[in-house]
C-alpha atoms as a PDB file:
ATOM      1  CA  UNK A   1      93.336  88.368 179.432  1.00  0.00           C
ATOM      2  CA  UNK A   2      96.278  87.349 181.546  1.00  0.00           C
ATOM      3  CA  UNK A   3      98.320  85.081 179.301  1.00  0.00           C
ATOM      4  CA  UNK A   4     101.473  83.094 179.989  1.00  0.00           C
ATOM      5  CA  UNK A   5     104.015  81.746 177.513  1.00  0.00           C
ATOM      6  CA  UNK A   6     106.340  78.889 178.466  1.00  0.00           C
ATOM      7  CA  UNK A   7     109.229  78.036 176.161  1.00  0.00           C
ATOM      8  CA  UNK A   8     112.752  76.684 176.096  1.00  0.00           C
ATOM      9  CA  UNK A   9     115.526  79.250 176.048  1.00  0.00           C
ATOM     10  CA  UNK A  10     115.048  82.943 175.417  1.00  0.00           C
ATOM     11  CA  UNK A  11     112.336  84.752 173.506  1.00  0.00           C
ATOM     12  CA  UNK A  12     115.189  86.648 171.817  1.00  0.00           C
ATOM     13  CA  UNK A  13     116.420  83.604 169.840  1.00  0.00           C
ATOM     14  CA  UNK A  14     116.549  84.318 166.092  1.00  0.00           C
ATOM     15  CA  UNK A  15     115.106  81.188 164.468  1.00  0.00           C
ATOM     16  CA  UNK A  16     111.674  81.248 162.818  1.00  0.00           C
ATOM     17  CA  UNK A  17     109.856  79.537 165.672  1.00  0.00           C
ATOM     18  CA  UNK A  18     111.135  81.995 168.251  1.00  0.00           C
ATOM     19  CA  UNK A  19     110.322  84.913 165.976  1.00  0.00           C
ATOM     20  CA  UNK A  20     106.782  83.539 165.772  1.00  0.00           C
ATOM     21  CA  UNK A  21     106.510  83.376 169.578  1.00  0.00           C
ATOM     22  CA  UNK A  22     107.966  86.861 169.933  1.00  0.00           C
ATOM     23  CA  UNK A  23     105.589  88.409 167.400  1.00  0.00           C
ATOM     24  CA  UNK A  24     102.674  86.645 169.053  1.00  0.00           C
ATOM     25  CA  UNK A  25     103.600  88.121 172.434  1.00  0.00           C
ATOM     26  CA  UNK A  26     103.941  91.579 170.901  1.00  0.00           C
ATOM     27  CA  UNK A  27     100.540  91.257 169.221  1.00  0.00           C
ATOM     28  CA  UNK A  28      98.786  90.080 172.376  1.00  0.00           C
ATOM     29  CA  UNK A  29     100.237  92.967 174.361  1.00  0.00           C
ATOM     30  CA  UNK A  30      99.180  95.468 171.700  1.00  0.00           C
ATOM     31  CA  UNK A  31      95.678  94.062 171.957  1.00  0.00           C
ATOM     32  CA  UNK A  32      95.643  94.830 175.697  1.00  0.00           C
ATOM     33  CA  UNK A  33      96.542  91.436 177.142  1.00  0.00           C
ATOM     34  CA  UNK A  34      99.238  90.989 179.754  1.00  0.00           C
ATOM     35  CA  UNK A  35     101.769  88.291 178.897  1.00  0.00           C
ATOM     36  CA  UNK A  36     104.127  86.655 181.390  1.00  0.00           C
ATOM     37  CA  UNK A  37     106.995  84.777 179.744  1.00  0.00           C
ATOM     38  CA  UNK A  38     108.354  81.689 181.508  1.00  0.00           C
ATOM     39  CA  UNK A  39     111.757  80.778 180.046  1.00  0.00           C
ATOM     40  CA  UNK A  40     112.753  77.184 180.798  1.00  0.00           C
ATOM     41  CA  UNK A  41     116.336  75.917 180.466  1.00  0.00           C
ATOM     42  CA  UNK A  42     117.240  74.207 177.199  1.00  0.00           C
ATOM     43  CA  UNK A  43     117.259  70.443 177.590  1.00  0.00           C
ATOM     44  CA  UNK A  44     118.415  67.472 175.583  1.00  0.00           C
ATOM     45  CA  UNK A  45     115.414  65.188 175.113  1.00  0.00           C
ATOM     46  CA  UNK A  46     116.154  62.676 177.914  1.00  0.00           C
ATOM     47  CA  UNK A  47     116.966  65.455 180.392  1.00  0.00           C
ATOM     48  CA  UNK A  48     113.762  67.238 179.439  1.00  0.00           C
ATOM     49  CA  UNK A  49     111.749  64.159 180.328  1.00  0.00           C
ATOM     50  CA  UNK A  50     113.473  64.088 183.724  1.00  0.00           C
ATOM     51  CA  UNK A  51     112.260  67.662 184.343  1.00  0.00           C
ATOM     52  CA  UNK A  52     108.795  66.241 184.938  1.00  0.00           C
ATOM     53  CA  UNK A  53     109.995  64.946 188.284  1.00  0.00           C
ATOM     54  CA  UNK A  54     111.444  68.339 189.208  1.00  0.00           C
ATOM     55  CA  UNK A  55     109.455  70.506 191.637  1.00  0.00           C
ATOM     56  CA  UNK A  56     111.556  73.466 190.447  1.00  0.00           C
ATOM     57  CA  UNK A  57     110.061  73.316 186.945  1.00  0.00           C
ATOM     58  CA  UNK A  58     106.536  73.005 188.351  1.00  0.00           C
ATOM     59  CA  UNK A  59     107.141  75.976 190.635  1.00  0.00           C
ATOM     60  CA  UNK A  60     108.324  78.110 187.700  1.00  0.00           C
ATOM     61  CA  UNK A  61     105.167  77.215 185.803  1.00  0.00           C
ATOM     62  CA  UNK A  62     102.809  78.170 188.634  1.00  0.00           C
ATOM     63  CA  UNK A  63     102.052  81.732 187.536  1.00  0.00           C
ATOM     64  CA  UNK A  64      98.807  83.659 187.907  1.00  0.00           C
ATOM     65  CA  UNK A  65      97.293  83.613 184.406  1.00  0.00           C
ATOM     66  CA  UNK A  66      93.951  82.938 182.765  1.00  0.00           C
ATOM     67  CA  UNK A  67      95.505  80.705 180.118  1.00  0.00           C
ATOM     68  CA  UNK A  68      99.017  79.467 179.370  1.00  0.00           C
ATOM     69  CA  UNK A  69     100.593  79.225 175.931  1.00  0.00           C
ATOM     70  CA  UNK A  70     103.343  76.630 175.622  1.00  0.00           C
ATOM     71  CA  UNK A  71     105.819  76.318 172.767  1.00  0.00           C
ATOM     72  CA  UNK A  72     105.515  72.634 171.887  1.00  0.00           C
ATOM     73  CA  UNK A  73     109.288  72.459 171.443  1.00  0.00           C
ATOM     74  CA  UNK A  74     109.434  72.288 175.251  1.00  0.00           C
ATOM     75  CA  UNK A  75     107.057  69.328 175.462  1.00  0.00           C
ATOM     76  CA  UNK A  76     109.631  66.915 176.997  1.00  0.00           C
ATOM     77  CA  UNK A  77     109.704  69.038 180.167  1.00  0.00           C
ATOM     78  CA  UNK A  78     105.907  69.478 180.255  1.00  0.00           C
ATOM     79  CA  UNK A  79     104.340  66.152 179.327  1.00  0.00           C
ATOM     80  CA  UNK A  80     103.693  65.132 182.945  1.00  0.00           C
ATOM     81  CA  UNK A  81     104.065  68.484 184.679  1.00  0.00           C
ATOM     82  CA  UNK A  82     101.012  69.840 182.833  1.00  0.00           C
ATOM     83  CA  UNK A  83      98.703  67.581 184.801  1.00  0.00           C
ATOM     84  CA  UNK A  84      99.326  69.559 188.004  1.00  0.00           C
ATOM     85  CA  UNK A  85      98.993  73.067 186.563  1.00  0.00           C
ATOM     86  CA  UNK A  86      96.000  75.192 187.647  1.00  0.00           C
ATOM     87  CA  UNK A  87      95.116  76.877 184.346  1.00  0.00           C
ATOM     88  CA  UNK A  88      94.033  75.839 180.832  1.00  0.00           C
ATOM     89  CA  UNK A  89      96.841  75.307 178.319  1.00  0.00           C
ATOM     90  CA  UNK A  90      97.161  76.082 174.617  1.00  0.00           C
ATOM     91  CA  UNK A  91     100.134  74.618 172.779  1.00  0.00           C
ATOM     92  CA  UNK A  92     101.878  76.446 169.927  1.00  0.00           C
ATOM     93  CA  UNK A  93     103.069  73.807 167.454  1.00  0.00           C
ATOM     94  CA  UNK A  94     105.598  74.873 164.820  1.00  0.00           C
ATOM     95  CA  UNK A  95     106.092  71.261 163.823  1.00  0.00           C
ATOM     96  CA  UNK A  96     106.033  67.994 165.676  1.00  0.00           C
ATOM     97  CA  UNK A  97     109.312  66.254 166.367  1.00  0.00           C
ATOM     98  CA  UNK A  98     107.560  63.017 165.364  1.00  0.00           C
ATOM     99  CA  UNK A  99     107.008  64.458 161.867  1.00  0.00           C
ATOM    100  CA  UNK A 100     110.739  64.598 161.204  1.00  0.00           C
ATOM    101  CA  UNK A 101     112.443  61.573 159.602  1.00  0.00           C
ATOM    102  CA  UNK A 102     114.258  60.364 162.709  1.00  0.00           C
ATOM    103  CA  UNK A 103     115.228  56.944 164.010  1.00  0.00           C
ATOM    104  CA  UNK A 104     113.389  57.629 167.269  1.00  0.00           C
ATOM    105  CA  UNK A 105     110.210  58.968 165.659  1.00  0.00           C
ATOM    106  CA  UNK A 106     108.011  56.260 167.257  1.00  0.00           C
ATOM    107  CA  UNK A 107     109.216  57.344 170.705  1.00  0.00           C
ATOM    108  CA  UNK A 108     108.652  61.015 169.924  1.00  0.00           C
ATOM    109  CA  UNK A 109     105.188  60.242 168.588  1.00  0.00           C
ATOM    110  CA  UNK A 110     104.231  58.453 171.795  1.00  0.00           C
ATOM    111  CA  UNK A 111     105.498  61.260 174.012  1.00  0.00           C
ATOM    112  CA  UNK A 112     103.951  64.021 171.901  1.00  0.00           C
ATOM    113  CA  UNK A 113     100.625  62.188 171.854  1.00  0.00           C
ATOM    114  CA  UNK A 114     100.654  62.123 175.662  1.00  0.00           C
ATOM    115  CA  UNK A 115     101.696  65.785 175.808  1.00  0.00           C
ATOM    116  CA  UNK A 116      98.928  66.927 173.461  1.00  0.00           C
ATOM    117  CA  UNK A 117      96.391  65.055 175.577  1.00  0.00           C
ATOM    118  CA  UNK A 118      97.203  67.482 178.425  1.00  0.00           C
ATOM    119  CA  UNK A 119      96.343  70.681 176.516  1.00  0.00           C
ATOM    120  CA  UNK A 120      93.008  72.389 175.859  1.00  0.00           C
ATOM    121  CA  UNK A 121      93.790  73.883 172.461  1.00  0.00           C
ATOM    122  CA  UNK A 122      96.489  73.995 169.804  1.00  0.00           C
ATOM    123  CA  UNK A 123      97.810  76.845 167.637  1.00  0.00           C
ATOM    124  CA  UNK A 124      99.207  75.471 164.371  1.00  0.00           C
ATOM    125  CA  UNK A 125     101.356  77.407 161.915  1.00  0.00           C
ATOM    126  CA  UNK A 126      99.995  75.539 158.886  1.00  0.00           C
ATOM    127  CA  UNK A 127      97.261  73.168 157.792  1.00  0.00           C
ATOM    128  CA  UNK A 128      99.904  70.443 157.467  1.00  0.00           C
ATOM    129  CA  UNK A 129     100.839  70.931 161.120  1.00  0.00           C
ATOM    130  CA  UNK A 130      97.158  70.792 162.099  1.00  0.00           C
ATOM    131  CA  UNK A 131      96.797  67.502 160.207  1.00  0.00           C
ATOM    132  CA  UNK A 132      99.801  66.092 162.077  1.00  0.00           C
ATOM    133  CA  UNK A 133      98.382  67.255 165.414  1.00  0.00           C
ATOM    134  CA  UNK A 134      94.901  65.865 164.831  1.00  0.00           C
ATOM    135  CA  UNK A 135      96.441  62.562 163.727  1.00  0.00           C
ATOM    136  CA  UNK A 136      97.712  62.296 167.307  1.00  0.00           C
ATOM    137  CA  UNK A 137      94.216  62.615 168.722  1.00  0.00           C
ATOM    138  CA  UNK A 138      93.612  66.368 169.095  1.00  0.00           C
ATOM    139  CA  UNK A 139      90.043  67.493 168.367  1.00  0.00           C
ATOM    140  CA  UNK A 140      90.132  69.624 165.176  1.00  0.00           C
ATOM    141  CA  UNK A 141      87.642  72.021 166.794  1.00  0.00           C
ATOM    142  CA  UNK A 142      90.258  72.772 169.471  1.00  0.00           C
ATOM    143  CA  UNK A 143      92.814  73.938 166.890  1.00  0.00           C
ATOM    144  CA  UNK A 144      93.430  77.101 164.921  1.00  0.00           C
ATOM    145  CA  UNK A 145      95.767  77.683 161.973  1.00  0.00           C
ATOM    146  CA  UNK A 146      97.605  80.981 162.439  1.00  0.00           C
ATOM    147  CA  UNK A 147     100.459  81.221 159.920  1.00  0.00           C
ATOM    148  CA  UNK A 148     103.457  83.467 160.516  1.00  0.00           C
ATOM    149  CA  UNK A 149     103.815  86.602 158.435  1.00  0.00           C
ATOM    150  CA  UNK A 150     106.922  86.962 156.318  1.00  0.00           C
ATOM    151  CA  UNK A 151     107.369  90.694 156.835  1.00  0.00           C
ATOM    152  CA  UNK A 152     110.782  90.562 158.434  1.00  0.00           C
ATOM    153  CA  UNK A 153     112.146  92.688 155.577  1.00  0.00           C
ATOM    154  CA  UNK A 154     109.355  93.751 153.164  1.00  0.00           C
ATOM    155  CA  UNK A 155     111.822  95.318 150.706  1.00  0.00           C
ATOM    156  CA  UNK A 156     110.733  97.800 148.079  1.00  0.00           C
ATOM    157  CA  UNK A 157     111.142  95.739 144.894  1.00  0.00           C
ATOM    158  CA  UNK A 158     109.059  96.074 141.742  1.00  0.00           C
ATOM    159  CA  UNK A 159     108.438  93.905 138.706  1.00  0.00           C
ATOM    160  CA  UNK A 160     111.029  95.750 136.645  1.00  0.00           C
ATOM    161  CA  UNK A 161     113.788  95.123 139.189  1.00  0.00           C
ATOM    162  CA  UNK A 162     112.854  91.444 139.374  1.00  0.00           C
ATOM    163  CA  UNK A 163     113.100  91.203 135.590  1.00  0.00           C
ATOM    164  CA  UNK A 164     116.463  92.952 135.427  1.00  0.00           C
ATOM    165  CA  UNK A 165     117.895  90.660 138.089  1.00  0.00           C
ATOM    166  CA  UNK A 166     116.680  87.555 136.256  1.00  0.00           C
ATOM    167  CA  UNK A 167     118.864  88.393 133.246  1.00  0.00           C
ATOM    168  CA  UNK A 168     122.069  88.316 135.307  1.00  0.00           C
ATOM    169  CA  UNK A 169     124.330  85.265 135.392  1.00  0.00           C
ATOM    170  CA  UNK A 170     125.543  83.042 136.964  1.00  0.00           C
ATOM    171  CA  UNK A 171     122.432  81.883 138.831  1.00  0.00           C
ATOM    172  CA  UNK A 172     122.797  83.025 142.451  1.00  0.00           C
ATOM    173  CA  UNK A 173     121.161  80.751 145.018  1.00  0.00           C
ATOM    174  CA  UNK A 174     120.719  81.469 148.734  1.00  0.00           C
ATOM    175  CA  UNK A 175     120.253  78.885 151.479  1.00  0.00           C
ATOM    176  CA  UNK A 176     118.995  80.368 154.771  1.00  0.00           C
ATOM    177  CA  UNK A 177     118.530  78.255 157.884  1.00  0.00           C
ATOM    178  CA  UNK A 178     120.178  76.470 160.758  1.00  0.00           C
ATOM    179  CA  UNK A 179     122.810  74.105 159.417  1.00  0.00           C
ATOM    180  CA  UNK A 180     121.436  70.791 160.625  1.00  0.00           C
ATOM    181  CA  UNK A 181     120.420  67.585 158.815  1.00  0.00           C
ATOM    182  CA  UNK A 182     116.706  68.463 158.664  1.00  0.00           C
ATOM    183  CA  UNK A 183     117.344  71.512 156.489  1.00  0.00           C
ATOM    184  CA  UNK A 184     118.771  69.485 153.591  1.00  0.00           C
ATOM    185  CA  UNK A 185     121.864  71.566 152.845  1.00  0.00           C
ATOM    186  CA  UNK A 186     123.722  68.393 151.853  1.00  0.00           C
ATOM    187  CA  UNK A 187     121.010  67.649 149.275  1.00  0.00           C
ATOM    188  CA  UNK A 188     121.271  71.204 147.948  1.00  0.00           C
ATOM    189  CA  UNK A 189     125.074  71.083 147.614  1.00  0.00           C
ATOM    190  CA  UNK A 190     124.878  67.794 145.746  1.00  0.00           C
ATOM    191  CA  UNK A 191     122.180  69.304 143.518  1.00  0.00           C
ATOM    192  CA  UNK A 192     124.446  72.249 142.722  1.00  0.00           C
ATOM    193  CA  UNK A 193     127.236  69.804 141.836  1.00  0.00           C
ATOM    194  CA  UNK A 194     124.976  67.831 139.480  1.00  0.00           C
ATOM    195  CA  UNK A 195     123.386  70.833 137.792  1.00  0.00           C
ATOM    196  CA  UNK A 196     124.560  71.450 134.236  1.00  0.00           C
ATOM    197  CA  UNK A 197     124.449  75.196 134.756  1.00  0.00           C
ATOM    198  CA  UNK A 198     126.588  77.898 136.313  1.00  0.00           C
ATOM    199  CA  UNK A 199     125.324  78.184 139.892  1.00  0.00           C
ATOM    200  CA  UNK A 200     126.746  80.027 142.905  1.00  0.00           C
ATOM    201  CA  UNK A 201     125.462  79.179 146.388  1.00  0.00           C
ATOM    202  CA  UNK A 202     125.587  81.346 149.505  1.00  0.00           C
ATOM    203  CA  UNK A 203     124.901  79.499 152.770  1.00  0.00           C
ATOM    204  CA  UNK A 204     123.532  81.686 155.569  1.00  0.00           C
ATOM    205  CA  UNK A 205     122.893  80.205 158.970  1.00  0.00           C
ATOM    206  CA  UNK A 206     124.107  79.049 162.339  1.00  0.00           C
ATOM    207  CA  UNK A 207     125.884  75.723 162.709  1.00  0.00           C
ATOM    208  CA  UNK A 208     123.779  73.712 165.153  1.00  0.00           C
ATOM    209  CA  UNK A 209     125.193  70.289 164.236  1.00  0.00           C
ATOM    210  CA  UNK A 210     128.962  70.450 163.878  1.00  0.00           C
ATOM    211  CA  UNK A 211     129.177  66.917 162.521  1.00  0.00           C
ATOM    212  CA  UNK A 212     126.719  67.768 159.758  1.00  0.00           C
ATOM    213  CA  UNK A 213     128.593  70.971 158.963  1.00  0.00           C
ATOM    214  CA  UNK A 214     131.821  68.979 158.613  1.00  0.00           C
ATOM    215  CA  UNK A 215     130.055  66.518 156.291  1.00  0.00           C
ATOM    216  CA  UNK A 216     128.729  69.327 154.095  1.00  0.00           C
ATOM    217  CA  UNK A 217     132.103  71.052 153.898  1.00  0.00           C
ATOM    218  CA  UNK A 218     133.720  67.743 152.951  1.00  0.00           C
ATOM    219  CA  UNK A 219     131.100  67.282 150.228  1.00  0.00           C
ATOM    220  CA  UNK A 220     131.906  70.758 148.894  1.00  0.00           C
ATOM    221  CA  UNK A 221     135.603  69.822 148.667  1.00  0.00           C
ATOM    222  CA  UNK A 222     134.989  66.409 147.133  1.00  0.00           C
ATOM    223  CA  UNK A 223     132.697  67.838 144.463  1.00  0.00           C
ATOM    224  CA  UNK A 224     135.112  70.661 143.613  1.00  0.00           C
ATOM    225  CA  UNK A 225     132.724  73.419 144.617  1.00  0.00           C
ATOM    226  CA  UNK A 226     135.089  75.501 146.724  1.00  0.00           C
ATOM    227  CA  UNK A 227     134.819  78.518 144.421  1.00  0.00           C
ATOM    228  CA  UNK A 228     131.036  78.212 144.014  1.00  0.00           C
ATOM    229  CA  UNK A 229     129.803  77.672 147.587  1.00  0.00           C
ATOM    230  CA  UNK A 230     130.292  80.366 150.214  1.00  0.00           C
ATOM    231  CA  UNK A 231     129.548  79.864 153.910  1.00  0.00           C
ATOM    232  CA  UNK A 232     128.508  83.274 155.224  1.00  0.00           C
ATOM    233  CA  UNK A 233     127.590  82.191 158.780  1.00  0.00           C
ATOM    234  CA  UNK A 234     124.971  84.121 160.718  1.00  0.00           C
ATOM    235  CA  UNK A 235     124.189  87.540 159.289  1.00  0.00           C
ATOM    236  CA  UNK A 236     122.458  90.614 160.614  1.00  0.00           C
ATOM    237  CA  UNK A 237     119.046  91.323 159.141  1.00  0.00           C
ATOM    238  CA  UNK A 238     120.566  94.105 157.049  1.00  0.00           C
ATOM    239  CA  UNK A 239     123.277  91.850 155.594  1.00  0.00           C
ATOM    240  CA  UNK A 240     120.828  88.997 155.055  1.00  0.00           C
ATOM    241  CA  UNK A 241     118.517  91.407 153.264  1.00  0.00           C
ATOM    242  CA  UNK A 242     121.389  92.413 150.965  1.00  0.00           C
ATOM    243  CA  UNK A 243     122.141  88.747 150.232  1.00  0.00           C
ATOM    244  CA  UNK A 244     118.514  87.972 149.365  1.00  0.00           C
ATOM    245  CA  UNK A 245     118.176  91.113 147.256  1.00  0.00           C
ATOM    246  CA  UNK A 246     121.187  89.992 145.174  1.00  0.00           C
ATOM    247  CA  UNK A 247     120.024  86.381 144.794  1.00  0.00           C
ATOM    248  CA  UNK A 248     117.854  84.796 142.110  1.00  0.00           C
ATOM    249  CA  UNK A 249     116.460  81.833 144.055  1.00  0.00           C
ATOM    250  CA  UNK A 250     116.002  80.743 147.666  1.00  0.00           C
ATOM    251  CA  UNK A 251     116.700  77.017 148.060  1.00  0.00           C
ATOM    252  CA  UNK A 252     116.009  75.134 151.300  1.00  0.00           C
ATOM    253  CA  UNK A 253     115.129  71.530 150.318  1.00  0.00           C
ATOM    254  CA  UNK A 254     114.355  70.453 153.873  1.00  0.00           C
ATOM    255  CA  UNK A 255     113.547  66.939 154.918  1.00  0.00           C
ATOM    256  CA  UNK A 256     110.562  68.432 156.746  1.00  0.00           C
ATOM    257  CA  UNK A 257     109.129  71.909 157.403  1.00  0.00           C
ATOM    258  CA  UNK A 258     106.075  72.643 159.523  1.00  0.00           C
ATOM    259  CA  UNK A 259     105.664  75.902 157.614  1.00  0.00           C
ATOM    260  CA  UNK A 260     108.973  77.350 156.456  1.00  0.00           C
ATOM    261  CA  UNK A 261     108.789  81.080 157.077  1.00  0.00           C
ATOM    262  CA  UNK A 262     112.056  81.541 155.190  1.00  0.00           C
ATOM    263  CA  UNK A 263     110.295  80.749 151.891  1.00  0.00           C
ATOM    264  CA  UNK A 264     107.882  83.599 152.495  1.00  0.00           C
ATOM    265  CA  UNK A 265     110.715  85.942 153.478  1.00  0.00           C
ATOM    266  CA  UNK A 266     112.473  85.089 150.221  1.00  0.00           C
ATOM    267  CA  UNK A 267     109.265  85.774 148.312  1.00  0.00           C
ATOM    268  CA  UNK A 268     109.214  89.288 149.731  1.00  0.00           C
ATOM    269  CA  UNK A 269     112.328  89.868 147.574  1.00  0.00           C
ATOM    270  CA  UNK A 270     110.693  88.273 144.545  1.00  0.00           C
ATOM    271  CA  UNK A 271     112.648  85.026 144.923  1.00  0.00           C
ATOM    272  CA  UNK A 272     111.038  81.787 143.792  1.00  0.00           C
ATOM    273  CA  UNK A 273     111.836  78.907 146.131  1.00  0.00           C
ATOM    274  CA  UNK A 274     113.176  75.398 145.838  1.00  0.00           C
ATOM    275  CA  UNK A 275     111.323  73.786 148.731  1.00  0.00           C
ATOM    276  CA  UNK A 276     110.422  70.408 150.152  1.00  0.00           C
ATOM    277  CA  UNK A 277     107.139  68.608 149.552  1.00  0.00           C
ATOM    278  CA  UNK A 278     107.366  67.252 153.110  1.00  0.00           C
ATOM    279  CA  UNK A 279     105.309  69.319 155.537  1.00  0.00           C
ATOM    280  CA  UNK A 280     103.726  72.705 155.088  1.00  0.00           C
ATOM    281  CA  UNK A 281     105.909  74.419 152.485  1.00  0.00           C
ATOM    282  CA  UNK A 282     103.414  73.585 149.725  1.00  0.00           C
ATOM    283  CA  UNK A 283     100.921  75.941 151.380  1.00  0.00           C
ATOM    284  CA  UNK A 284     103.210  78.814 150.401  1.00  0.00           C
ATOM    285  CA  UNK A 285     105.233  77.515 147.467  1.00  0.00           C
ATOM    286  CA  UNK A 286     103.019  76.633 144.507  1.00  0.00           C
ATOM    287  CA  UNK A 287     104.927  74.168 142.335  1.00  0.00           C
ATOM    288  CA  UNK A 288     105.669  75.707 138.941  1.00  0.00           C
ATOM    289  CA  UNK A 289     104.175  79.063 139.921  1.00  0.00           C
ATOM    290  CA  UNK A 290     106.098  80.565 142.866  1.00  0.00           C
ATOM    291  CA  UNK A 291     108.822  77.927 143.042  1.00  0.00           C
ATOM    292  CA  UNK A 292     109.611  74.265 142.639  1.00  0.00           C
ATOM    293  CA  UNK A 293     108.754  71.513 145.106  1.00  0.00           C
ATOM    294  CA  UNK A 294     111.136  68.569 145.433  1.00  0.00           C
ATOM    295  CA  UNK A 295     111.040  65.369 147.432  1.00  0.00           C
ATOM    296  CA  UNK A 296     113.408  65.145 150.402  1.00  0.00           C
ATOM    297  CA  UNK A 297     116.858  63.696 149.638  1.00  0.00           C
ATOM    298  CA  UNK A 298     116.492  64.138 145.867  1.00  0.00           C
ATOM    299  CA  UNK A 299     119.519  66.074 144.567  1.00  0.00           C
ATOM    300  CA  UNK A 300     118.621  65.270 140.964  1.00  0.00           C
ATOM    301  CA  UNK A 301     115.321  67.111 141.378  1.00  0.00           C
ATOM    302  CA  UNK A 302     117.205  70.051 142.905  1.00  0.00           C
ATOM    303  CA  UNK A 303     119.624  70.032 139.963  1.00  0.00           C
ATOM    304  CA  UNK A 304     116.747  70.040 137.447  1.00  0.00           C
ATOM    305  CA  UNK A 305     115.084  72.939 139.250  1.00  0.00           C
ATOM    306  CA  UNK A 306     118.262  75.012 139.215  1.00  0.00           C
ATOM    307  CA  UNK A 307     118.923  74.182 135.563  1.00  0.00           C
ATOM    308  CA  UNK A 308     115.407  75.316 134.684  1.00  0.00           C
ATOM    309  CA  UNK A 309     115.857  78.651 136.421  1.00  0.00           C
ATOM    310  CA  UNK A 310     119.284  79.220 134.828  1.00  0.00           C
ATOM    311  CA  UNK A 311     118.115  78.347 131.315  1.00  0.00           C
ATOM    312  CA  UNK A 312     115.021  80.561 131.189  1.00  0.00           C
ATOM    313  CA  UNK A 313     115.369  84.118 132.556  1.00  0.00           C
ATOM    314  CA  UNK A 314     111.818  84.999 131.483  1.00  0.00           C
ATOM    315  CA  UNK A 315     110.378  82.102 133.477  1.00  0.00           C
ATOM    316  CA  UNK A 316     112.596  83.011 136.428  1.00  0.00           C
ATOM    317  CA  UNK A 317     111.298  86.592 136.342  1.00  0.00           C
ATOM    318  CA  UNK A 318     107.671  85.472 135.969  1.00  0.00           C
ATOM    319  CA  UNK A 319     107.956  83.150 138.976  1.00  0.00           C
ATOM    320  CA  UNK A 320     109.729  85.862 140.965  1.00  0.00           C
ATOM    321  CA  UNK A 321     106.853  88.273 140.342  1.00  0.00           C
ATOM    322  CA  UNK A 322     104.334  85.593 141.279  1.00  0.00           C
ATOM    323  CA  UNK A 323     106.303  84.923 144.469  1.00  0.00           C
ATOM    324  CA  UNK A 324     106.174  88.596 145.395  1.00  0.00           C
ATOM    325  CA  UNK A 325     102.408  88.696 144.811  1.00  0.00           C
ATOM    326  CA  UNK A 326     101.956  85.579 146.939  1.00  0.00           C
ATOM    327  CA  UNK A 327     103.855  87.303 149.739  1.00  0.00           C
ATOM    328  CA  UNK A 328     101.633  90.377 149.471  1.00  0.00           C
ATOM    329  CA  UNK A 329      98.482  88.238 149.850  1.00  0.00           C
ATOM    330  CA  UNK A 330      99.709  86.447 152.962  1.00  0.00           C
ATOM    331  CA  UNK A 331      97.983  87.126 156.325  1.00  0.00           C
ATOM    332  CA  UNK A 332      99.624  89.718 158.574  1.00  0.00           C
ATOM    333  CA  UNK A 333     100.769  89.150 162.145  1.00  0.00           C
ATOM    334  CA  UNK A 334      97.711  91.103 163.323  1.00  0.00           C
ATOM    335  CA  UNK A 335      95.392  88.702 161.503  1.00  0.00           C
ATOM    336  CA  UNK A 336      97.143  85.628 162.903  1.00  0.00           C
ATOM    337  CA  UNK A 337      97.258  87.094 166.408  1.00  0.00           C
ATOM    338  CA  UNK A 338      93.515  87.739 166.247  1.00  0.00           C
ATOM    339  CA  UNK A 339      92.931  84.060 165.431  1.00  0.00           C
ATOM    340  CA  UNK A 340      95.046  83.025 168.411  1.00  0.00           C
ATOM    341  CA  UNK A 341      93.273  85.458 170.749  1.00  0.00           C
ATOM    342  CA  UNK A 342      89.897  84.003 169.819  1.00  0.00           C
ATOM    343  CA  UNK A 343      91.107  80.497 170.702  1.00  0.00           C
ATOM    344  CA  UNK A 344      92.647  81.727 173.976  1.00  0.00           C
ATOM    345  CA  UNK A 345      89.409  83.497 174.934  1.00  0.00           C
ATOM    346  CA  UNK A 346      87.379  80.392 174.124  1.00  0.00           C
ATOM    347  CA  UNK A 347      89.656  78.157 176.187  1.00  0.00           C
ATOM    348  CA  UNK A 348      89.839  80.574 179.127  1.00  0.00           C
ATOM    349  CA  UNK A 349      86.083  81.102 179.010  1.00  0.00           C
ATOM    350  CA  UNK A 350      85.394  77.385 178.982  1.00  0.00           C
ATOM    351  CA  UNK A 351      87.603  77.006 182.023  1.00  0.00           C
ATOM    352  CA  UNK A 352      85.746  79.777 183.870  1.00  0.00           C
ATOM    353  CA  UNK A 353      82.422  78.168 182.981  1.00  0.00           C
ATOM    354  CA  UNK A 354      83.255  74.878 184.706  1.00  0.00           C
ATOM    355  CA  UNK A 355      81.327  74.697 187.958  1.00  0.00           C
ATOM    356  CA  UNK A 356      83.508  73.890 190.968  1.00  0.00           C
ATOM    357  CA  UNK A 357      82.773  70.620 192.676  1.00  0.00           C
ATOM    358  CA  UNK A 358      80.798  70.948 195.891  1.00  0.00           C
ATOM    359  CA  UNK A 359      82.065  68.909 198.781  1.00  0.00           C
ATOM    360  CA  UNK A 360      79.502  66.525 200.232  1.00  0.00           C
END
C-alpha cells in the first residue's frame, strides 16, 4: 500500500504519541508499504482552525496515496480540509482533547465530533480511547485498538534484583512526562509532602507550561521539599534508563491519559505505578497488583499509595515482579502494526470498490 501520515511538527519528537507514530511508520515500511510523511506546522488551537481556509495546507495534503493516516492531534487544521481530499482517511487517536478536564471541553468535543465524521476509520491506543471515540459517533466496526509497546528500554532485570531493590530506603519515586497540568505533577508533589514516609522524587521531563512549572516549584519550596524533589529535566534514553533502574516506583497521577505508555516503560524495570483512574491507564495498571490507581487531583490517595510501598518491602517487590510480567505479556509493535495494516487495507479496499459515478 501507499500510505500517508499527516501530523503536527516532526516525526522525531520524543513524547509518547510521536514515538507511537514513528514506530508505526517503521512497522509499515518493514511490511513493504511506502509511507509519505506530511509534517504540518504546529498551531495553537485557534490558528489551527484558520488553517482550514488555507490553500497551502490543502496543497501539502494532496499526495498520491491509497490511504492517509492522520494524527488526531492535528485535527484543528484538518476538520474542514478533509472534505476536499481525494483519498480515504484513518485517524490515529492517542486521546481526545475533549477527554481532558478543560474549560473549553464542550468546544473541543464539537470540533472533534465534526473532525471524526470526516474519517473512514480510527486507530485507538486503548479501549478507553475507543469508547471516547465511539461516544462521538464513530462506528465501532470502523475502529481498531492497537496499543503501543513499552519496549523502549527492555532492561535485563530479574526477580532477585527487584527484591533487593525493594529493601532499600528511602523510597525512590520517578515522575516521567511533559511538565504540564494534565500530568498531575502538582498532585504528586503534594502527595509526597503529605506522606508519612521517607520519599525522594525525581522529576524527568520537558517543561511545556512554564506557568505550571513555576507553580510546582513554588509548591516544593512552600512544603519544604527542596532536598527531596529533584528536577532532572529532559534526559537521554540511557540516563532515563539509569533513573528508572534505581527507582522503586513510577508515579504519574495524570488528570487524564489515553493510554500512558510511560507506565508500561516503568514496568519493564519492574516498577509498580501510581497512575490515574481517568482514561486508559487501568488497562495496564491493575490496582493492587501492578500498581495503585488514584483519582485525579487526590494527593491524599497518592500519599497513602506511597506510604504503603514504603512500609512493606515484600509487597513492593511482589508488585514489581507482577509489573514486569505484565510488561512481558504486552503486545509488540509488530502485533499492533499488523492490526493497523488490516484496517488500512480494509479502508483502502472499500474506497477502490466504490463505483465511479457515470455522467448522464
